[in-house]
C-alpha cells in the first residue's frame, strides 16, 4: 500500500515485510502515468534492494 508520495516517487509498505520500505521512483514511470495516491494498494516487482537498511526499489505493475 502507498504510504506517501513525494515529487520524486511513492513510498510503499510491503506486505509481509514490515521492516522494509519500497520506493517507486518517477524516473521509472512511463510518460503520461501518475503516481498512485496514498492508501492505494499497488503491485509490482522488486528490481533492487539493500539488505542492510531494508530499502527496496520497485517497478509498479501499473507502469508496465
Protein backbone atom coordinates (compact mmCIF):
# COMPACT_ATOMS: atom_id res chain seq x y z
CA UNK A 1 0.00 0.00 0.00
CA UNK A 2 1.22 3.51 -0.82
CA UNK A 3 2.01 5.33 2.42
CA UNK A 4 3.21 8.67 1.00
CA UNK A 5 4.02 10.42 -2.26
CA UNK A 6 6.70 12.98 -2.95
CA UNK A 7 7.74 14.74 -6.19
CA UNK A 8 10.35 12.01 -6.79
CA UNK A 9 8.15 8.95 -6.19
CA UNK A 10 5.82 6.92 -4.00
CA UNK A 11 6.76 5.17 -0.75
CA UNK A 12 5.20 1.74 -0.45
CA UNK A 13 4.68 -0.53 2.59
CA UNK A 14 5.46 -4.12 1.59
CA UNK A 15 3.06 -6.87 2.68
CA UNK A 16 4.88 -9.40 4.83
CA UNK A 17 7.96 -7.19 5.27
CA UNK A 18 7.11 -4.55 7.90
CA UNK A 19 10.77 -3.51 8.30
CA UNK A 20 11.18 -2.77 4.58
CA UNK A 21 10.28 0.40 2.72
CA UNK A 22 9.67 0.37 -1.02
CA UNK A 23 10.14 3.32 -3.35
CA UNK A 24 8.64 3.59 -6.83
CA UNK A 25 10.60 6.40 -8.50
CA UNK A 26 9.04 8.75 -11.03
CA UNK A 27 12.17 8.34 -13.16
CA UNK A 28 10.98 4.75 -13.84
CA UNK A 29 7.41 5.82 -14.60
CA UNK A 30 6.26 5.94 -18.26
CA UNK A 31 5.17 9.31 -19.65
CA UNK A 32 1.57 10.16 -19.00
CA UNK A 33 1.29 7.97 -15.90
CA UNK A 34 0.58 9.40 -12.46
CA UNK A 35 1.73 8.34 -9.01
CA UNK A 36 -0.74 6.21 -7.06
CA UNK A 37 -2.44 8.03 -4.19
CA UNK A 38 -1.64 7.37 -0.51
CA UNK A 39 -3.75 4.46 0.70
CA UNK A 40 -3.93 2.88 -2.76
CA UNK A 41 -2.92 -0.78 -3.00
CA UNK A 42 -0.36 -1.48 -5.71
CA UNK A 43 1.51 -4.48 -7.08
CA UNK A 44 4.92 -4.57 -8.63
CA UNK A 45 8.34 -6.09 -8.95
CA UNK A 46 11.46 -5.54 -6.86
CA UNK A 47 14.35 -4.61 -9.15
CA UNK A 48 16.87 -3.55 -6.48
CA UNK A 49 17.22 -3.94 -2.72
CA UNK A 50 19.70 -3.17 0.02
CA UNK A 51 19.79 -5.79 2.80
CA UNK A 52 21.46 -3.72 5.50
CA UNK A 53 18.83 -0.94 5.63
CA UNK A 54 15.82 -2.73 4.06
CA UNK A 55 15.42 -0.30 1.16
CA UNK A 56 13.65 -1.64 -1.92
CA UNK A 57 13.19 -0.05 -5.35
CA UNK A 58 10.02 -1.08 -7.16
CA UNK A 59 8.67 -1.16 -10.68
CA UNK A 60 4.89 -0.99 -10.36
CA UNK A 61 2.73 -3.29 -12.50
CA UNK A 62 0.53 -0.35 -13.47
CA UNK A 63 3.58 1.17 -15.18
CA UNK A 64 4.40 -1.82 -17.36
